[in-house]
């Protein structure tokens, strides 16, 4: 499970759509199961507790990027549940390290040619 802390425009298709899918899973853990099941003790889950507003805003960023790339989005989050802080200030890896991780993967994340993403 990974929610990146970098601008979604830098993500390749695989990482953009993968993060969107995982964000929905995390949202369900935190809202439906109230952090009591599944990955409730996962570091990624723990860092988003009390920050559903920030998670909601990250989802909106992902959706905007998906739509810019021509993807349909049909899975909105319930804005009424977007409570708590609107800023994420806890990182498993700092954004600079996340960029390095993505650049070292065999994918076109951070590729200058947007057509490759």
PDB file of N, CA and C in Angstrom:
ATOM      1  N   UNK A   1       0.857  -1.173   0.000  1.00  0.00           N
ATOM      2  CA  UNK A   1       0.000   0.000   0.000  1.00  0.00           C
ATOM      3  C   UNK A   1       0.894   1.223   0.000  1.00  0.00           C
ATOM      4  N   UNK A   2       0.596   2.173  -0.929  1.00  0.00           N
ATOM      5  CA  UNK A   2       1.406   3.380  -1.017  1.00  0.00           C
ATOM      6  C   UNK A   2       0.566   4.536  -1.529  1.00  0.00           C
ATOM      7  N   UNK A   3       0.555   5.605  -0.760  1.00  0.00           N
ATOM      8  CA  UNK A   3       0.008   6.871  -1.223  1.00  0.00           C
ATOM      9  C   UNK A   3       1.204   7.796  -1.357  1.00  0.00           C
ATOM     10  N   UNK A   4       1.486   8.203  -2.582  1.00  0.00           N
ATOM     11  CA  UNK A   4       2.646   9.056  -2.839  1.00  0.00           C
ATOM     12  C   UNK A   4       2.360  10.484  -2.377  1.00  0.00           C
ATOM     13  N   UNK A   5       3.420  11.219  -2.125  1.00  0.00           N
ATOM     14  CA  UNK A   5       3.303  12.613  -1.695  1.00  0.00           C
ATOM     15  C   UNK A   5       3.939  13.536  -2.720  1.00  0.00           C
ATOM     16  N   UNK A   6       3.835  13.154  -3.979  1.00  0.00           N
ATOM     17  CA  UNK A   6       4.383  13.958  -5.061  1.00  0.00           C
ATOM     18  C   UNK A   6       3.262  14.290  -6.043  1.00  0.00           C
ATOM     19  N   UNK A   7       3.492  15.272  -6.872  1.00  0.00           N
ATOM     20  CA  UNK A   7       2.488  15.703  -7.835  1.00  0.00           C
ATOM     21  C   UNK A   7       2.125  14.538  -8.756  1.00  0.00           C
ATOM     22  N   UNK A   8       0.844  14.223  -8.873  1.00  0.00           N
ATOM     23  CA  UNK A   8       0.424  13.090  -9.705  1.00  0.00           C
ATOM     24  C   UNK A   8       0.836  13.184 -11.173  1.00  0.00           C
ATOM     25  N   UNK A   9       1.118  14.387 -11.657  1.00  0.00           N
ATOM     26  CA  UNK A   9       1.529  14.521 -13.059  1.00  0.00           C
ATOM     27  C   UNK A   9       2.822  13.774 -13.349  1.00  0.00           C
ATOM     28  N   UNK A  10       3.613  13.500 -12.314  1.00  0.00           N
ATOM     29  CA  UNK A  10       4.885  12.805 -12.494  1.00  0.00           C
ATOM     30  C   UNK A  10       4.740  11.286 -12.482  1.00  0.00           C
ATOM     31  N   UNK A  11       3.561  10.791 -12.153  1.00  0.00           N
ATOM     32  CA  UNK A  11       3.357   9.351 -12.048  1.00  0.00           C
ATOM     33  C   UNK A  11       3.045   8.734 -13.406  1.00  0.00           C
ATOM     34  N   UNK A  12       3.612   7.577 -13.648  1.00  0.00           N
ATOM     35  CA  UNK A  12       3.259   6.828 -14.846  1.00  0.00           C
ATOM     36  C   UNK A  12       1.841   6.275 -14.669  1.00  0.00           C
ATOM     37  N   UNK A  13       1.296   5.735 -15.731  1.00  0.00           N
ATOM     38  CA  UNK A  13      -0.057   5.183 -15.711  1.00  0.00           C
ATOM     39  C   UNK A  13      -0.221   4.156 -14.600  1.00  0.00           C
ATOM     40  N   UNK A  14       0.728   3.243 -14.499  1.00  0.00           N
ATOM     41  CA  UNK A  14       0.663   2.167 -13.505  1.00  0.00           C
ATOM     42  C   UNK A  14       0.606   2.724 -12.086  1.00  0.00           C
ATOM     43  N   UNK A  15       1.454   3.690 -11.775  1.00  0.00           N
ATOM     44  CA  UNK A  15       1.493   4.234 -10.424  1.00  0.00           C
ATOM     45  C   UNK A  15       0.305   5.155 -10.145  1.00  0.00           C
ATOM     46  N   UNK A  16      -0.140   5.894 -11.138  1.00  0.00           N
ATOM     47  CA  UNK A  16      -1.303   6.764 -10.960  1.00  0.00           C
ATOM     48  C   UNK A  16      -2.556   5.935 -10.657  1.00  0.00           C
ATOM     49  N   UNK A  17      -2.830   4.961 -11.500  1.00  0.00           N
ATOM     50  CA  UNK A  17      -4.030   4.143 -11.309  1.00  0.00           C
ATOM     51  C   UNK A  17      -3.903   3.233 -10.089  1.00  0.00           C
ATOM     52  N   UNK A  18      -2.692   2.760  -9.822  1.00  0.00           N
ATOM     53  CA  UNK A  18      -2.469   1.934  -8.640  1.00  0.00           C
ATOM     54  C   UNK A  18      -2.688   2.707  -7.355  1.00  0.00           C
ATOM     55  N   UNK A  19      -2.184   3.941  -7.317  1.00  0.00           N
ATOM     56  CA  UNK A  19      -2.401   4.752  -6.116  1.00  0.00           C
ATOM     57  C   UNK A  19      -3.885   5.042  -5.935  1.00  0.00           C
ATOM     58  N   UNK A  20      -4.580   5.333  -7.022  1.00  0.00           N
ATOM     59  CA  UNK A  20      -6.013   5.607  -6.919  1.00  0.00           C
ATOM     60  C   UNK A  20      -6.742   4.406  -6.314  1.00  0.00           C
ATOM     61  N   UNK A  21      -6.421   3.216  -6.791  1.00  0.00           N
ATOM     62  CA  UNK A  21      -7.047   1.989  -6.270  1.00  0.00           C
ATOM     63  C   UNK A  21      -6.715   1.803  -4.783  1.00  0.00           C
ATOM     64  N   UNK A  22      -5.458   1.999  -4.425  1.00  0.00           N
ATOM     65  CA  UNK A  22      -5.052   1.815  -3.030  1.00  0.00           C
ATOM     66  C   UNK A  22      -5.636   2.889  -2.125  1.00  0.00           C
ATOM     67  N   UNK A  23      -5.795   4.098  -2.648  1.00  0.00           N
ATOM     68  CA  UNK A  23      -6.401   5.164  -1.844  1.00  0.00           C
ATOM     69  C   UNK A  23      -7.837   4.795  -1.488  1.00  0.00           C
ATOM     70  N   UNK A  24      -8.559   4.209  -2.432  1.00  0.00           N
ATOM     71  CA  UNK A  24      -9.928   3.776  -2.128  1.00  0.00           C
ATOM     72  C   UNK A  24      -9.930   2.689  -1.061  1.00  0.00           C
ATOM     73  N   UNK A  25      -8.990   1.775  -1.126  1.00  0.00           N
ATOM     74  CA  UNK A  25      -8.890   0.740  -0.097  1.00  0.00           C
ATOM     75  C   UNK A  25      -8.600   1.341   1.265  1.00  0.00           C
ATOM     76  N   UNK A  26      -7.666   2.289   1.297  1.00  0.00           N
ATOM     77  CA  UNK A  26      -7.320   2.963   2.548  1.00  0.00           C
ATOM     78  C   UNK A  26      -8.516   3.749   3.083  1.00  0.00           C
ATOM     79  N   UNK A  27      -9.222   4.449   2.202  1.00  0.00           N
ATOM     80  CA  UNK A  27     -10.410   5.203   2.606  1.00  0.00           C
ATOM     81  C   UNK A  27     -11.424   4.284   3.277  1.00  0.00           C
ATOM     82  N   UNK A  28     -11.633   3.100   2.685  1.00  0.00           N
ATOM     83  CA  UNK A  28     -12.582   2.146   3.259  1.00  0.00           C
ATOM     84  C   UNK A  28     -12.117   1.629   4.617  1.00  0.00           C
ATOM     85  N   UNK A  29     -10.829   1.386   4.757  1.00  0.00           N
ATOM     86  CA  UNK A  29     -10.297   0.942   6.051  1.00  0.00           C
ATOM     87  C   UNK A  29     -10.576   1.999   7.119  1.00  0.00           C
ATOM     88  N   UNK A  30     -10.357   3.265   6.762  1.00  0.00           N
ATOM     89  CA  UNK A  30     -10.485   4.345   7.743  1.00  0.00           C
ATOM     90  C   UNK A  30     -11.923   4.796   7.985  1.00  0.00           C
ATOM     91  N   UNK A  31     -12.807   4.613   7.005  1.00  0.00           N
ATOM     92  CA  UNK A  31     -14.175   5.118   7.167  1.00  0.00           C
ATOM     93  C   UNK A  31     -15.198   4.022   7.455  1.00  0.00           C
ATOM     94  N   UNK A  32     -15.132   2.941   6.748  1.00  0.00           N
ATOM     95  CA  UNK A  32     -16.117   1.866   6.931  1.00  0.00           C
ATOM     96  C   UNK A  32     -15.724   0.969   8.102  1.00  0.00           C
ATOM     97  N   UNK A  33     -14.455   0.592   8.128  1.00  0.00           N
ATOM     98  CA  UNK A  33     -13.987  -0.324   9.179  1.00  0.00           C
ATOM     99  C   UNK A  33     -13.377   0.420  10.365  1.00  0.00           C
ATOM    100  N   UNK A  34     -13.290   1.729  10.247  1.00  0.00           N
ATOM    101  CA  UNK A  34     -12.762   2.587  11.320  1.00  0.00           C
ATOM    102  C   UNK A  34     -11.400   2.118  11.808  1.00  0.00           C
ATOM    103  N   UNK A  35     -10.574   1.673  10.871  1.00  0.00           N
ATOM    104  CA  UNK A  35      -9.216   1.269  11.204  1.00  0.00           C
ATOM    105  C   UNK A  35      -9.125   0.035  12.064  1.00  0.00           C
ATOM    106  N   UNK A  36     -10.124  -0.833  11.993  1.00  0.00           N
ATOM    107  CA  UNK A  36     -10.150  -2.013  12.856  1.00  0.00           C
ATOM    108  C   UNK A  36      -9.833  -3.317  12.125  1.00  0.00           C
ATOM    109  N   UNK A  37      -9.752  -3.298  10.799  1.00  0.00           N
ATOM    110  CA  UNK A  37      -9.555  -4.531  10.049  1.00  0.00           C
ATOM    111  C   UNK A  37      -8.449  -4.372   9.023  1.00  0.00           C
ATOM    112  N   UNK A  38      -8.081  -5.498   8.434  1.00  0.00           N
ATOM    113  CA  UNK A  38      -7.150  -5.489   7.313  1.00  0.00           C
ATOM    114  C   UNK A  38      -5.825  -4.840   7.637  1.00  0.00           C
ATOM    115  N   UNK A  39      -5.540  -3.782   6.924  1.00  0.00           N
ATOM    116  CA  UNK A  39      -4.264  -3.091   7.060  1.00  0.00           C
ATOM    117  C   UNK A  39      -4.317  -1.983   8.117  1.00  0.00           C
ATOM    118  N   UNK A  40      -5.093  -2.149   9.158  1.00  0.00           N
ATOM    119  CA  UNK A  40      -5.298  -1.078  10.137  1.00  0.00           C
ATOM    120  C   UNK A  40      -4.013  -0.657  10.847  1.00  0.00           C
ATOM    121  N   UNK A  41      -3.032  -1.540  10.931  1.00  0.00           N
ATOM    122  CA  UNK A  41      -1.762  -1.214  11.600  1.00  0.00           C
ATOM    123  C   UNK A  41      -0.631  -0.926  10.619  1.00  0.00           C
ATOM    124  N   UNK A  42      -0.961  -0.922   9.340  1.00  0.00           N
ATOM    125  CA  UNK A  42       0.046  -0.631   8.310  1.00  0.00           C
ATOM    126  C   UNK A  42       0.504   0.822   8.475  1.00  0.00           C
ATOM    127  N   UNK A  43       1.796   1.099   8.315  1.00  0.00           N
ATOM    128  CA  UNK A  43       2.284   2.484   8.470  1.00  0.00           C
ATOM    129  C   UNK A  43       1.555   3.492   7.577  1.00  0.00           C
ATOM    130  N   UNK A  44       1.176   3.077   6.385  1.00  0.00           N
ATOM    131  CA  UNK A  44       0.458   3.998   5.493  1.00  0.00           C
ATOM    132  C   UNK A  44      -0.923   4.325   6.055  1.00  0.00           C
ATOM    133  N   UNK A  45      -1.576   3.346   6.658  1.00  0.00           N
ATOM    134  CA  UNK A  45      -2.874   3.581   7.284  1.00  0.00           C
ATOM    135  C   UNK A  45      -2.722   4.502   8.490  1.00  0.00           C
ATOM    136  N   UNK A  46      -1.746   4.230   9.304  1.00  0.00           N
ATOM    137  CA  UNK A  46      -1.556   5.005  10.533  1.00  0.00           C
ATOM    138  C   UNK A  46      -1.287   6.479  10.246  1.00  0.00           C
ATOM    139  N   UNK A  47      -0.554   6.764   9.186  1.00  0.00           N
ATOM    140  CA  UNK A  47      -0.208   8.168   8.920  1.00  0.00           C
ATOM    141  C   UNK A  47      -1.397   8.986   8.413  1.00  0.00           C
ATOM    142  N   UNK A  48      -2.464   8.332   7.980  1.00  0.00           N
ATOM    143  CA  UNK A  48      -3.638   9.042   7.493  1.00  0.00           C
ATOM    144  C   UNK A  48      -4.755   9.145   8.522  1.00  0.00           C
ATOM    145  N   UNK A  49      -4.594   8.527   9.666  1.00  0.00           N
ATOM    146  CA  UNK A  49      -5.627   8.661  10.706  1.00  0.00           C
ATOM    147  C   UNK A  49      -5.749  10.118  11.128  1.00  0.00           C
ATOM    148  N   UNK A  50      -6.977  10.576  11.205  1.00  0.00           N
ATOM    149  CA  UNK A  50      -7.217  11.972  11.584  1.00  0.00           C
ATOM    150  C   UNK A  50      -6.958  12.950  10.460  1.00  0.00           C
ATOM    151  N   UNK A  51      -6.720  12.421   9.238  1.00  0.00           N
ATOM    152  CA  UNK A  51      -6.415  13.288   8.100  1.00  0.00           C
ATOM    153  C   UNK A  51      -7.228  12.894   6.869  1.00  0.00           C
ATOM    154  N   UNK A  52      -8.478  12.551   7.103  1.00  0.00           N
ATOM    155  CA  UNK A  52      -9.325  12.157   5.976  1.00  0.00           C
ATOM    156  C   UNK A  52      -9.530  13.309   4.993  1.00  0.00           C
ATOM    157  N   UNK A  53      -9.524  14.530   5.485  1.00  0.00           N
ATOM    158  CA  UNK A  53      -9.642  15.684   4.570  1.00  0.00           C
ATOM    159  C   UNK A  53      -8.446  15.713   3.622  1.00  0.00           C
ATOM    160  N   UNK A  54      -7.247  15.502   4.152  1.00  0.00           N
ATOM    161  CA  UNK A  54      -6.047  15.479   3.306  1.00  0.00           C
ATOM    162  C   UNK A  54      -6.099  14.321   2.315  1.00  0.00           C
ATOM    163  N   UNK A  55      -6.582  13.168   2.752  1.00  0.00           N
ATOM    164  CA  UNK A  55      -6.698  12.008   1.870  1.00  0.00           C
ATOM    165  C   UNK A  55      -7.720  12.284   0.765  1.00  0.00           C
ATOM    166  N   UNK A  56      -8.817  12.919   1.124  1.00  0.00           N
ATOM    167  CA  UNK A  56      -9.840  13.308   0.149  1.00  0.00           C
ATOM    168  C   UNK A  56      -9.239  14.255  -0.896  1.00  0.00           C
ATOM    169  N   UNK A  57      -8.458  15.231  -0.445  1.00  0.00           N
ATOM    170  CA  UNK A  57      -7.833  16.185  -1.363  1.00  0.00           C
ATOM    171  C   UNK A  57      -6.819  15.498  -2.274  1.00  0.00           C
ATOM    172  N   UNK A  58      -6.091  14.511  -1.749  1.00  0.00           N
ATOM    173  CA  UNK A  58      -5.163  13.745  -2.582  1.00  0.00           C
ATOM    174  C   UNK A  58      -5.951  12.996  -3.656  1.00  0.00           C
ATOM    175  N   UNK A  59      -7.077  12.436  -3.275  1.00  0.00           N
ATOM    176  CA  UNK A  59      -7.927  11.748  -4.252  1.00  0.00           C
ATOM    177  C   UNK A  59      -8.336  12.709  -5.362  1.00  0.00           C
ATOM    178  N   UNK A  60      -8.710  13.916  -5.000  1.00  0.00           N
ATOM    179  CA  UNK A  60      -9.119  14.902  -5.995  1.00  0.00           C
ATOM    180  C   UNK A  60      -7.965  15.226  -6.948  1.00  0.00           C
ATOM    181  N   UNK A  61      -6.741  15.306  -6.427  1.00  0.00           N
ATOM    182  CA  UNK A  61      -5.567  15.536  -7.281  1.00  0.00           C
ATOM    183  C   UNK A  61      -5.400  14.391  -8.283  1.00  0.00           C
ATOM    184  N   UNK A  62      -5.527  13.155  -7.788  1.00  0.00           N
ATOM    185  CA  UNK A  62      -5.394  11.988  -8.654  1.00  0.00           C
ATOM    186  C   UNK A  62      -6.467  11.999  -9.733  1.00  0.00           C
ATOM    187  N   UNK A  63      -7.699  12.321  -9.356  1.00  0.00           N
ATOM    188  CA  UNK A  63      -8.809  12.350 -10.309  1.00  0.00           C
ATOM    189  C   UNK A  63      -8.550  13.391 -11.397  1.00  0.00           C
ATOM    190  N   UNK A  64      -8.096  14.578 -11.010  1.00  0.00           N
ATOM    191  CA  UNK A  64      -7.807  15.616 -12.010  1.00  0.00           C
ATOM    192  C   UNK A  64      -6.769  15.122 -13.014  1.00  0.00           C
ATOM    193  N   UNK A  65      -5.721  14.464 -12.515  1.00  0.00           N
ATOM    194  CA  UNK A  65      -4.677  13.962 -13.414  1.00  0.00           C
ATOM    195  C   UNK A  65      -5.210  12.832 -14.295  1.00  0.00           C
ATOM    196  N   UNK A  66      -6.022  11.961 -13.722  1.00  0.00           N
ATOM    197  CA  UNK A  66      -6.612  10.880 -14.511  1.00  0.00           C
ATOM    198  C   UNK A  66      -7.468  11.462 -15.641  1.00  0.00           C
ATOM    199  N   UNK A  67      -8.259  12.461 -15.326  1.00  0.00           N
ATOM    200  CA  UNK A  67      -9.122  13.071 -16.339  1.00  0.00           C
ATOM    201  C   UNK A  67      -8.303  13.789 -17.410  1.00  0.00           C
ATOM    202  N   UNK A  68      -7.206  14.440 -17.014  1.00  0.00           N
ATOM    203  CA  UNK A  68      -6.323  15.080 -17.991  1.00  0.00           C
ATOM    204  C   UNK A  68      -5.787  14.053 -18.985  1.00  0.00           C
ATOM    205  N   UNK A  69      -5.603  12.821 -18.514  1.00  0.00           N
ATOM    206  CA  UNK A  69      -5.076  11.755 -19.378  1.00  0.00           C
ATOM    207  C   UNK A  69      -6.172  11.003 -20.119  1.00  0.00           C
ATOM    208  N   UNK A  70      -7.397  11.419 -19.929  1.00  0.00           N
ATOM    209  CA  UNK A  70      -8.499  10.824 -20.677  1.00  0.00           C
ATOM    210  C   UNK A  70      -9.186   9.648 -20.006  1.00  0.00           C
ATOM    211  N   UNK A  71      -8.894   9.397 -18.740  1.00  0.00           N
ATOM    212  CA  UNK A  71      -9.549   8.299 -18.023  1.00  0.00           C
ATOM    213  C   UNK A  71     -10.890   8.776 -17.471  1.00  0.00           C
ATOM    214  N   UNK A  72     -11.853   7.880 -17.458  1.00  0.00           N
ATOM    215  CA  UNK A  72     -13.137   8.159 -16.809  1.00  0.00           C
ATOM    216  C   UNK A  72     -12.980   7.879 -15.324  1.00  0.00           C
ATOM    217  N   UNK A  73     -13.608   8.704 -14.513  1.00  0.00           N
ATOM    218  CA  UNK A  73     -13.589   8.461 -13.073  1.00  0.00           C
ATOM    219  C   UNK A  73     -15.023   8.324 -12.595  1.00  0.00           C
ATOM    220  N   UNK A  74     -15.309   7.188 -11.976  1.00  0.00           N
ATOM    221  CA  UNK A  74     -16.672   6.912 -11.538  1.00  0.00           C
ATOM    222  C   UNK A  74     -16.745   6.518 -10.067  1.00  0.00           C
ATOM    223  N   UNK A  75     -15.713   6.813  -9.300  1.00  0.00           N
ATOM    224  CA  UNK A  75     -15.685   6.352  -7.901  1.00  0.00           C
ATOM    225  C   UNK A  75     -15.361   7.505  -6.953  1.00  0.00           C
ATOM    226  N   UNK A  76     -16.343   8.383  -6.782  1.00  0.00           N
ATOM    227  CA  UNK A  76     -16.159   9.519  -5.876  1.00  0.00           C
ATOM    228  C   UNK A  76     -16.119   9.053  -4.421  1.00  0.00           C
ATOM    229  N   UNK A  77     -15.471   9.841  -3.603  1.00  0.00           N
ATOM    230  CA  UNK A  77     -15.479   9.619  -2.155  1.00  0.00           C
ATOM    231  C   UNK A  77     -16.572  10.484  -1.546  1.00  0.00           C
ATOM    232  N   UNK A  78     -17.053  10.100  -0.394  1.00  0.00           N
ATOM    233  CA  UNK A  78     -18.073  10.861   0.311  1.00  0.00           C
ATOM    234  C   UNK A  78     -17.423  12.064   0.995  1.00  0.00           C
ATOM    235  N   UNK A  79     -17.661  13.242   0.449  1.00  0.00           N
ATOM    236  CA  UNK A  79     -17.045  14.461   0.981  1.00  0.00           C
ATOM    237  C   UNK A  79     -17.443  14.719   2.433  1.00  0.00           C
ATOM    238  N   UNK A  80     -18.596  14.227   2.849  1.00  0.00           N
ATOM    239  CA  UNK A  80     -19.044  14.419   4.238  1.00  0.00           C
ATOM    240  C   UNK A  80     -18.126  13.710   5.233  1.00  0.00           C
ATOM    241  N   UNK A  81     -17.416  12.693   4.775  1.00  0.00           N
ATOM    242  CA  UNK A  81     -16.506  11.952   5.655  1.00  0.00           C
ATOM    243  C   UNK A  81     -15.109  12.567   5.697  1.00  0.00           C
ATOM    244  N   UNK A  82     -14.873  13.565   4.869  1.00  0.00           N
ATOM    245  CA  UNK A  82     -13.544  14.188   4.765  1.00  0.00           C
ATOM    246  C   UNK A  82     -13.324  15.136   5.948  1.00  0.00           C
ATOM    247  N   UNK A  83     -13.052  14.553   7.088  1.00  0.00           N
ATOM    248  CA  UNK A  83     -12.863  15.298   8.338  1.00  0.00           C
ATOM    249  C   UNK A  83     -11.376  15.357   8.695  1.00  0.00           C
ATOM    250  N   UNK A  84     -11.058  16.143   9.665  1.00  0.00           N
ATOM    251  CA  UNK A  84      -9.692  16.202  10.180  1.00  0.00           C
ATOM    252  C   UNK A  84      -8.809  17.145   9.386  1.00  0.00           C
ATOM    253  N   UNK A  85      -7.526  16.972   9.561  1.00  0.00           N
ATOM    254  CA  UNK A  85      -6.540  17.860   8.944  1.00  0.00           C
ATOM    255  C   UNK A  85      -6.576  17.767   7.425  1.00  0.00           C
ATOM    256  N   UNK A  86      -6.318  18.896   6.787  1.00  0.00           N
ATOM    257  CA  UNK A  86      -6.245  18.901   5.331  1.00  0.00           C
ATOM    258  C   UNK A  86      -4.808  18.843   4.829  1.00  0.00           C
ATOM    259  N   UNK A  87      -3.873  18.639   5.731  1.00  0.00           N
ATOM    260  CA  UNK A  87      -2.447  18.549   5.374  1.00  0.00           C
ATOM    261  C   UNK A  87      -1.869  17.235   5.872  1.00  0.00           C
ATOM    262  N   UNK A  88      -1.047  16.625   5.035  1.00  0.00           N
ATOM    263  CA  UNK A  88      -0.307  15.428   5.453  1.00  0.00           C
ATOM    264  C   UNK A  88       1.117  15.867   5.764  1.00  0.00           C
ATOM    265  N   UNK A  89       1.525  15.682   7.004  1.00  0.00           N
ATOM    266  CA  UNK A  89       2.874  16.092   7.407  1.00  0.00           C
ATOM    267  C   UNK A  89       3.677  14.928   7.984  1.00  0.00           C
ATOM    268  N   UNK A  90       3.158  13.730   7.838  1.00  0.00           N
ATOM    269  CA  UNK A  90       3.867  12.525   8.275  1.00  0.00           C
ATOM    270  C   UNK A  90       4.234  11.750   7.019  1.00  0.00           C
ATOM    271  N   UNK A  91       5.495  11.387   6.898  1.00  0.00           N
ATOM    272  CA  UNK A  91       5.965  10.691   5.707  1.00  0.00           C
ATOM    273  C   UNK A  91       6.699   9.418   6.090  1.00  0.00           C
ATOM    274  N   UNK A  92       6.420   8.350   5.347  1.00  0.00           N
ATOM    275  CA  UNK A  92       7.206   7.127   5.496  1.00  0.00           C
ATOM    276  C   UNK A  92       8.563   7.373   4.851  1.00  0.00           C
ATOM    277  N   UNK A  93       8.549   7.960   3.663  1.00  0.00           N
ATOM    278  CA  UNK A  93       9.736   8.468   2.978  1.00  0.00           C
ATOM    279  C   UNK A  93       9.434   9.905   2.593  1.00  0.00           C
ATOM    280  N   UNK A  94      10.405  10.794   2.763  1.00  0.00           N
ATOM    281  CA  UNK A  94      10.208  12.182   2.357  1.00  0.00           C
ATOM    282  C   UNK A  94       9.968  12.241   0.848  1.00  0.00           C
ATOM    283  N   UNK A  95       9.254  13.259   0.371  1.00  0.00           N
ATOM    284  CA  UNK A  95       8.977  13.352  -1.069  1.00  0.00           C
ATOM    285  C   UNK A  95      10.216  13.247  -1.960  1.00  0.00           C
ATOM    286  N   UNK A  96      11.332  13.797  -1.553  1.00  0.00           N
ATOM    287  CA  UNK A  96      12.555  13.680  -2.359  1.00  0.00           C
ATOM    288  C   UNK A  96      12.983  12.221  -2.492  1.00  0.00           C
ATOM    289  N   UNK A  97      12.855  11.465  -1.428  1.00  0.00           N
ATOM    290  CA  UNK A  97      13.182  10.039  -1.462  1.00  0.00           C
ATOM    291  C   UNK A  97      12.156   9.285  -2.315  1.00  0.00           C
ATOM    292  N   UNK A  98      10.895   9.671  -2.234  1.00  0.00           N
ATOM    293  CA  UNK A  98       9.865   9.045  -3.063  1.00  0.00           C
ATOM    294  C   UNK A  98      10.181   9.252  -4.546  1.00  0.00           C
ATOM    295  N   UNK A  99      10.611  10.459  -4.894  1.00  0.00           N
ATOM    296  CA  UNK A  99      10.990  10.742  -6.276  1.00  0.00           C
ATOM    297  C   UNK A  99      12.130   9.825  -6.704  1.00  0.00           C
ATOM    298  N   UNK A 100      13.119   9.680  -5.852  1.00  0.00           N
ATOM    299  CA  UNK A 100      14.252   8.805  -6.144  1.00  0.00           C
ATOM    300  C   UNK A 100      13.792   7.349  -6.323  1.00  0.00           C
ATOM    301  N   UNK A 101      12.906   6.897  -5.454  1.00  0.00           N
ATOM    302  CA  UNK A 101      12.371   5.528  -5.556  1.00  0.00           C
ATOM    303  C   UNK A 101      11.703   5.330  -6.913  1.00  0.00           C
ATOM    304  N   UNK A 102      10.871   6.281  -7.307  1.00  0.00           N
ATOM    305  CA  UNK A 102      10.166   6.162  -8.580  1.00  0.00           C
ATOM    306  C   UNK A 102      11.111   6.249  -9.769  1.00  0.00           C
ATOM    307  N   UNK A 103      12.107   7.101  -9.696  1.00  0.00           N
ATOM    308  CA  UNK A 103      13.061   7.233 -10.799  1.00  0.00           C
ATOM    309  C   UNK A 103      13.878   5.960 -10.991  1.00  0.00           C
ATOM    310  N   UNK A 104      14.038   5.183  -9.937  1.00  0.00           N
ATOM    311  CA  UNK A 104      14.811   3.946 -10.016  1.00  0.00           C
ATOM    312  C   UNK A 104      13.966   2.743 -10.420  1.00  0.00           C
ATOM    313  N   UNK A 105      12.691   2.945 -10.611  1.00  0.00           N
ATOM    314  CA  UNK A 105      11.813   1.854 -11.063  1.00  0.00           C
ATOM    315  C   UNK A 105      11.843   1.795 -12.593  1.00  0.00           C
ATOM    316  N   UNK A 106      11.603   0.612 -13.142  1.00  0.00           N
ATOM    317  CA  UNK A 106      11.605   0.477 -14.604  1.00  0.00           C
ATOM    318  C   UNK A 106      10.270   0.933 -15.223  1.00  0.00           C
ATOM    319  N   UNK A 107       9.930   2.176 -14.981  1.00  0.00           N
ATOM    320  CA  UNK A 107       8.686   2.735 -15.507  1.00  0.00           C
ATOM    321  C   UNK A 107       8.960   4.183 -15.905  1.00  0.00           C
ATOM    322  N   UNK A 108       8.033   4.809 -16.625  1.00  0.00           N
ATOM    323  CA  UNK A 108       8.268   6.184 -17.080  1.00  0.00           C
ATOM    324  C   UNK A 108       7.858   7.286 -16.094  1.00  0.00           C
ATOM    325  N   UNK A 109       7.790   6.992 -14.796  1.00  0.00           N
ATOM    326  CA  UNK A 109       7.536   8.069 -13.835  1.00  0.00           C
ATOM    327  C   UNK A 109       8.633   9.122 -13.983  1.00  0.00           C
ATOM    328  N   UNK A 110       8.248  10.365 -13.913  1.00  0.00           N
ATOM    329  CA  UNK A 110       9.131  11.522 -14.042  1.00  0.00           C
ATOM    330  C   UNK A 110       9.728  11.664 -15.431  1.00  0.00           C
ATOM    331  N   UNK A 111       9.193  10.933 -16.397  1.00  0.00           N
ATOM    332  CA  UNK A 111       9.660  11.035 -17.776  1.00  0.00           C
ATOM    333  C   UNK A 111       9.258  12.395 -18.336  1.00  0.00           C
ATOM    334  N   UNK A 112      10.158  13.029 -19.070  1.00  0.00           N
ATOM    335  CA  UNK A 112       9.858  14.332 -19.646  1.00  0.00           C
ATOM    336  C   UNK A 112       8.809  14.229 -20.744  1.00  0.00           C
ATOM    337  N   UNK A 113       8.793  13.109 -21.466  1.00  0.00           N
ATOM    338  CA  UNK A 113       7.829  12.902 -22.552  1.00  0.00           C
ATOM    339  C   UNK A 113       6.520  12.381 -21.966  1.00  0.00           C
ATOM    340  N   UNK A 114       5.546  13.258 -21.817  1.00  0.00           N
ATOM    341  CA  UNK A 114       4.279  12.882 -21.191  1.00  0.00           C
ATOM    342  C   UNK A 114       3.547  11.807 -21.987  1.00  0.00           C
ATOM    343  N   UNK A 115       3.870  11.647 -23.261  1.00  0.00           N
ATOM    344  CA  UNK A 115       3.220  10.612 -24.062  1.00  0.00           C
ATOM    345  C   UNK A 115       3.638   9.206 -23.631  1.00  0.00           C
ATOM    346  N   UNK A 116       4.769   9.096 -22.972  1.00  0.00           N
ATOM    347  CA  UNK A 116       5.227   7.786 -22.498  1.00  0.00           C
ATOM    348  C   UNK A 116       4.500   7.358 -21.224  1.00  0.00           C
ATOM    349  N   UNK A 117       3.904   8.310 -20.526  1.00  0.00           N
ATOM    350  CA  UNK A 117       3.193   7.986 -19.286  1.00  0.00           C
ATOM    351  C   UNK A 117       1.805   7.572 -19.608  1.00  0.00           C
TER     352      UNK A 117
END
